[in-house]
Amino acid sequence: GSKVVSCADITALAARDSVFLSGGPDYNIPLGRRDSLNFATQNDTLANLPSPLMNTTTILNIFSQKNLTTTDTVALSGGHTIGIGHCTSFTNRLYPTQDPNMDQTFANNLKLTCPTANTTNTTVLDIRSPNTFDNKYYVDLMNRQGLFTSDQGLYNYS
């Protein structure tokens, strides 16, 4: 018989290869997923992904409805070891007053990147190794240098 490789498979393979090429582990991907007959709209996606502005309780609630535990959620957040954040996703932690859970030097540097709450600038999610898939994102959190309310909150919660 013929082998089926779906769009879902290609997405999973691309994610796996991206992790590996950025220094993360290599792992096998079982192929043969079937594509959905429905596609997710922007509204569907936004309704199912938590906002970086959400608090920990809300995020854990959202993921628990998908049968994910607190441990699963903390592990998923590790994907923020690579990527960027828009200033509008975290300036609520800087203005009008600084979030007391944020390191002062980190906050001062973010204010240079985001001089106002509504700037369109971006910055890296992981200040220690922004282009490497590793555990430095969690080191950032231990040092109160998590960019998003959601990330720092998960660390403080767990």
C-alpha atoms as a PDB file:
ATOM      1  CA  GLY A   1       0.000   0.000   0.000  1.00  0.00           C
ATOM      2  CA  SER A   2       0.942   3.611  -0.312  1.00  0.00           C
ATOM      3  CA  LYS A   3       2.228   5.573   2.638  1.00  0.00           C
ATOM      4  CA  VAL A   4       0.191   8.589   3.694  1.00  0.00           C
ATOM      5  CA  VAL A   5       1.994  11.754   4.699  1.00  0.00           C
ATOM      6  CA  SER A   6      -0.439  14.460   5.703  1.00  0.00           C
ATOM      7  CA  CYS A   7      -0.116  18.187   6.308  1.00  0.00           C
ATOM      8  CA  ALA A   8      -0.309  17.357  10.023  1.00  0.00           C
ATOM      9  CA  ASP A   9       2.700  15.035   9.581  1.00  0.00           C
ATOM     10  CA  ILE A  10       4.661  17.697   7.719  1.00  0.00           C
ATOM     11  CA  THR A  11       3.939  20.220  10.483  1.00  0.00           C
ATOM     12  CA  ALA A  12       5.114  17.753  13.148  1.00  0.00           C
ATOM     13  CA  LEU A  13       8.266  16.934  11.135  1.00  0.00           C
ATOM     14  CA  ALA A  14       9.055  20.627  10.640  1.00  0.00           C
ATOM     15  CA  ALA A  15       8.676  21.260  14.378  1.00  0.00           C
ATOM     16  CA  ARG A  16      10.896  18.267  15.208  1.00  0.00           C
ATOM     17  CA  ASP A  17      13.586  19.387  12.747  1.00  0.00           C
ATOM     18  CA  SER A  18      13.461  22.973  14.024  1.00  0.00           C
ATOM     19  CA  VAL A  19      14.023  21.754  17.578  1.00  0.00           C
ATOM     20  CA  PHE A  20      16.949  19.584  16.479  1.00  0.00           C
ATOM     21  CA  LEU A  21      18.564  22.259  14.302  1.00  0.00           C
ATOM     22  CA  SER A  22      18.430  24.727  17.200  1.00  0.00           C
ATOM     23  CA  GLY A  23      20.285  22.408  19.558  1.00  0.00           C
ATOM     24  CA  GLY A  24      17.435  20.360  20.982  1.00  0.00           C
ATOM     25  CA  PRO A  25      16.947  16.601  20.912  1.00  0.00           C
ATOM     26  CA  ASP A  26      16.179  14.501  17.865  1.00  0.00           C
ATOM     27  CA  TYR A  27      13.184  12.213  18.168  1.00  0.00           C
ATOM     28  CA  ASN A  28      11.049   9.977  15.990  1.00  0.00           C
ATOM     29  CA  ILE A  29       7.715  11.141  14.618  1.00  0.00           C
ATOM     30  CA  PRO A  30       5.156   8.462  13.805  1.00  0.00           C
ATOM     31  CA  LEU A  31       3.605   9.263  10.430  1.00  0.00           C
ATOM     32  CA  GLY A  32       0.101   8.584   9.208  1.00  0.00           C
ATOM     33  CA  ARG A  33      -1.934  11.279  10.933  1.00  0.00           C
ATOM     34  CA  ARG A  34      -5.027  12.278   9.048  1.00  0.00           C
ATOM     35  CA  ASP A  35      -5.707  15.899   8.248  1.00  0.00           C
ATOM     36  CA  SER A  36      -8.885  17.406   9.593  1.00  0.00           C
ATOM     37  CA  LEU A  37     -11.712  18.118   7.216  1.00  0.00           C
ATOM     38  CA  ASN A  38     -12.169  21.421   9.040  1.00  0.00           C
ATOM     39  CA  PHE A  39      -9.580  24.123   9.352  1.00  0.00           C
ATOM     40  CA  ALA A  40      -9.012  26.323  12.364  1.00  0.00           C
ATOM     41  CA  THR A  41      -9.980  29.924  11.886  1.00  0.00           C
ATOM     42  CA  GLN A  42      -8.124  32.747  13.595  1.00  0.00           C
ATOM     43  CA  ASN A  43     -10.964  32.947  16.118  1.00  0.00           C
ATOM     44  CA  ASP A  44     -10.738  29.187  16.817  1.00  0.00           C
ATOM     45  CA  THR A  45      -7.008  29.488  17.376  1.00  0.00           C
ATOM     46  CA  LEU A  46      -7.265  32.505  19.657  1.00  0.00           C
ATOM     47  CA  ALA A  47     -10.045  30.832  21.647  1.00  0.00           C
ATOM     48  CA  ASN A  48      -7.840  27.787  22.282  1.00  0.00           C
ATOM     49  CA  LEU A  49      -4.489  29.439  23.014  1.00  0.00           C
ATOM     50  CA  PRO A  50      -3.958  31.322  26.243  1.00  0.00           C
ATOM     51  CA  SER A  51      -2.851  34.933  26.070  1.00  0.00           C
ATOM     52  CA  PRO A  52       0.579  35.853  27.476  1.00  0.00           C
ATOM     53  CA  LEU A  53      -1.315  38.343  29.654  1.00  0.00           C
ATOM     54  CA  MET A  54      -3.349  35.632  31.417  1.00  0.00           C
ATOM     55  CA  ASN A  55      -2.731  34.626  34.996  1.00  0.00           C
ATOM     56  CA  THR A  56      -1.656  31.142  36.003  1.00  0.00           C
ATOM     57  CA  THR A  57      -5.032  29.936  37.249  1.00  0.00           C
ATOM     58  CA  THR A  58      -6.702  30.828  33.951  1.00  0.00           C
ATOM     59  CA  ILE A  59      -3.976  29.149  31.892  1.00  0.00           C
ATOM     60  CA  LEU A  60      -4.038  25.964  33.957  1.00  0.00           C
ATOM     61  CA  ASN A  61      -7.829  25.932  33.583  1.00  0.00           C
ATOM     62  CA  ILE A  62      -7.630  26.247  29.802  1.00  0.00           C
ATOM     63  CA  PHE A  63      -5.089  23.441  29.504  1.00  0.00           C
ATOM     64  CA  SER A  64      -6.843  21.192  32.026  1.00  0.00           C
ATOM     65  CA  GLN A  65      -9.890  21.281  29.731  1.00  0.00           C
ATOM     66  CA  LYS A  66      -7.596  19.642  27.168  1.00  0.00           C
ATOM     67  CA  ASN A  67      -6.505  17.019  29.747  1.00  0.00           C
ATOM     68  CA  LEU A  68      -3.110  18.632  30.336  1.00  0.00           C
ATOM     69  CA  THR A  69      -1.666  18.746  33.853  1.00  0.00           C
ATOM     70  CA  THR A  70       0.304  21.533  35.513  1.00  0.00           C
ATOM     71  CA  THR A  71       3.488  19.602  34.658  1.00  0.00           C
ATOM     72  CA  ASP A  72       2.392  19.373  31.012  1.00  0.00           C
ATOM     73  CA  THR A  73       1.722  23.114  30.950  1.00  0.00           C
ATOM     74  CA  VAL A  74       5.117  23.966  32.449  1.00  0.00           C
ATOM     75  CA  ALA A  75       6.781  21.674  29.888  1.00  0.00           C
ATOM     76  CA  LEU A  76       4.822  23.283  27.032  1.00  0.00           C
ATOM     77  CA  SER A  77       5.889  26.742  28.169  1.00  0.00           C
ATOM     78  CA  GLY A  78       9.485  25.608  27.609  1.00  0.00           C
ATOM     79  CA  GLY A  79       8.796  26.189  23.924  1.00  0.00           C
ATOM     80  CA  HIS A  80       9.404  29.824  24.795  1.00  0.00           C
ATOM     81  CA  THR A  81      13.119  29.021  24.818  1.00  0.00           C
ATOM     82  CA  ILE A  82      12.946  30.251  21.197  1.00  0.00           C
ATOM     83  CA  GLY A  83      10.879  33.061  19.789  1.00  0.00           C
ATOM     84  CA  ILE A  84       9.977  36.695  20.185  1.00  0.00           C
ATOM     85  CA  GLY A  85       7.409  38.644  22.138  1.00  0.00           C
ATOM     86  CA  HIS A  86       5.694  41.834  21.072  1.00  0.00           C
ATOM     87  CA  CYS A  87       5.947  44.678  23.561  1.00  0.00           C
ATOM     88  CA  THR A  88       2.153  44.800  23.800  1.00  0.00           C
ATOM     89  CA  SER A  89       2.271  41.253  25.222  1.00  0.00           C
ATOM     90  CA  PHE A  90       4.252  42.260  28.301  1.00  0.00           C
ATOM     91  CA  THR A  91       4.353  46.035  28.813  1.00  0.00           C
ATOM     92  CA  ASN A  92       1.545  45.645  31.355  1.00  0.00           C
ATOM     93  CA  ARG A  93       4.384  44.341  33.560  1.00  0.00           C
ATOM     94  CA  LEU A  94       6.371  47.568  33.025  1.00  0.00           C
ATOM     95  CA  TYR A  95       3.807  50.381  32.869  1.00  0.00           C
ATOM     96  CA  PRO A  96       2.404  52.227  34.744  1.00  0.00           C
ATOM     97  CA  THR A  97       4.274  50.395  37.511  1.00  0.00           C
ATOM     98  CA  GLN A  98       6.749  47.552  37.307  1.00  0.00           C
ATOM     99  CA  ASP A  99       5.622  44.056  38.240  1.00  0.00           C
ATOM    100  CA  PRO A 100       7.358  43.273  41.569  1.00  0.00           C
ATOM    101  CA  ASN A 101       7.969  39.716  40.279  1.00  0.00           C
ATOM    102  CA  MET A 102      10.290  41.086  37.558  1.00  0.00           C
ATOM    103  CA  ASP A 103      14.030  41.576  38.023  1.00  0.00           C
ATOM    104  CA  GLN A 104      14.870  45.303  38.043  1.00  0.00           C
ATOM    105  CA  THR A 105      17.763  45.159  35.544  1.00  0.00           C
ATOM    106  CA  PHE A 106      15.675  43.012  33.198  1.00  0.00           C
ATOM    107  CA  ALA A 107      12.807  45.512  33.456  1.00  0.00           C
ATOM    108  CA  ASN A 108      15.128  48.449  32.776  1.00  0.00           C
ATOM    109  CA  ASN A 109      16.442  46.745  29.625  1.00  0.00           C
ATOM    110  CA  LEU A 110      12.897  45.978  28.460  1.00  0.00           C
ATOM    111  CA  LYS A 111      11.963  49.634  28.907  1.00  0.00           C
ATOM    112  CA  LEU A 112      14.743  50.529  26.456  1.00  0.00           C
ATOM    113  CA  THR A 113      13.199  48.172  23.887  1.00  0.00           C
ATOM    114  CA  CYS A 114       9.645  49.193  24.734  1.00  0.00           C
ATOM    115  CA  PRO A 115       9.742  52.879  25.750  1.00  0.00           C
ATOM    116  CA  THR A 116       5.935  53.062  25.742  1.00  0.00           C
ATOM    117  CA  ALA A 117       3.210  50.534  26.444  1.00  0.00           C
ATOM    118  CA  ASN A 118       1.941  50.489  22.850  1.00  0.00           C
ATOM    119  CA  THR A 119       5.176  50.342  20.856  1.00  0.00           C
ATOM    120  CA  THR A 120       5.354  47.807  18.014  1.00  0.00           C
ATOM    121  CA  ASN A 121       8.862  46.588  18.946  1.00  0.00           C
ATOM    122  CA  THR A 122       9.716  42.990  19.820  1.00  0.00           C
ATOM    123  CA  THR A 123      12.290  41.203  21.944  1.00  0.00           C
ATOM    124  CA  VAL A 124      13.471  37.643  22.508  1.00  0.00           C
ATOM    125  CA  LEU A 125      11.627  35.345  24.902  1.00  0.00           C
ATOM    126  CA  ASP A 126      14.831  33.830  26.325  1.00  0.00           C
ATOM    127  CA  ILE A 127      17.571  36.356  27.078  1.00  0.00           C
ATOM    128  CA  ARG A 128      20.267  33.757  27.789  1.00  0.00           C
ATOM    129  CA  SER A 129      20.123  31.698  24.595  1.00  0.00           C
ATOM    130  CA  PRO A 130      17.441  33.062  22.270  1.00  0.00           C
ATOM    131  CA  ASN A 131      18.368  30.868  19.300  1.00  0.00           C
ATOM    132  CA  THR A 132      19.040  27.596  21.109  1.00  0.00           C
ATOM    133  CA  PHE A 133      16.544  24.978  22.229  1.00  0.00           C
ATOM    134  CA  ASP A 134      17.700  24.372  25.800  1.00  0.00           C
ATOM    135  CA  ASN A 135      16.634  24.859  29.413  1.00  0.00           C
ATOM    136  CA  LYS A 136      17.852  28.461  29.762  1.00  0.00           C
ATOM    137  CA  TYR A 137      14.267  29.739  29.554  1.00  0.00           C
ATOM    138  CA  TYR A 138      13.692  28.092  32.939  1.00  0.00           C
ATOM    139  CA  VAL A 139      16.879  29.737  34.259  1.00  0.00           C
ATOM    140  CA  ASP A 140      15.401  33.060  33.124  1.00  0.00           C
ATOM    141  CA  LEU A 141      12.284  32.308  35.184  1.00  0.00           C
ATOM    142  CA  MET A 142      14.338  31.385  38.259  1.00  0.00           C
ATOM    143  CA  ASN A 143      16.008  34.798  37.946  1.00  0.00           C
ATOM    144  CA  ARG A 144      12.652  36.622  37.591  1.00  0.00           C
ATOM    145  CA  GLN A 145      13.399  37.313  33.926  1.00  0.00           C
ATOM    146  CA  GLY A 146      10.338  35.747  32.346  1.00  0.00           C
ATOM    147  CA  LEU A 147       8.898  38.007  29.687  1.00  0.00           C
ATOM    148  CA  PHE A 148       5.215  37.141  29.915  1.00  0.00           C
ATOM    149  CA  THR A 149       2.918  37.246  32.927  1.00  0.00           C
ATOM    150  CA  SER A 150       1.910  33.703  31.971  1.00  0.00           C
ATOM    151  CA  ASP A 151       5.470  32.347  32.026  1.00  0.00           C
ATOM    152  CA  GLN A 152       6.696  33.992  35.211  1.00  0.00           C
ATOM    153  CA  GLY A 153       3.401  33.130  36.882  1.00  0.00           C
ATOM    154  CA  LEU A 154       3.775  29.432  36.081  1.00  0.00           C
ATOM    155  CA  TYR A 155       7.219  29.422  37.672  1.00  0.00           C
ATOM    156  CA  ASN A 156       6.025  31.270  40.761  1.00  0.00           C
ATOM    157  CA  TYR A 157       3.013  28.934  41.019  1.00  0.00           C
ATOM    158  CA  SER A 158       4.887  25.641  40.688  1.00  0.00           C
END
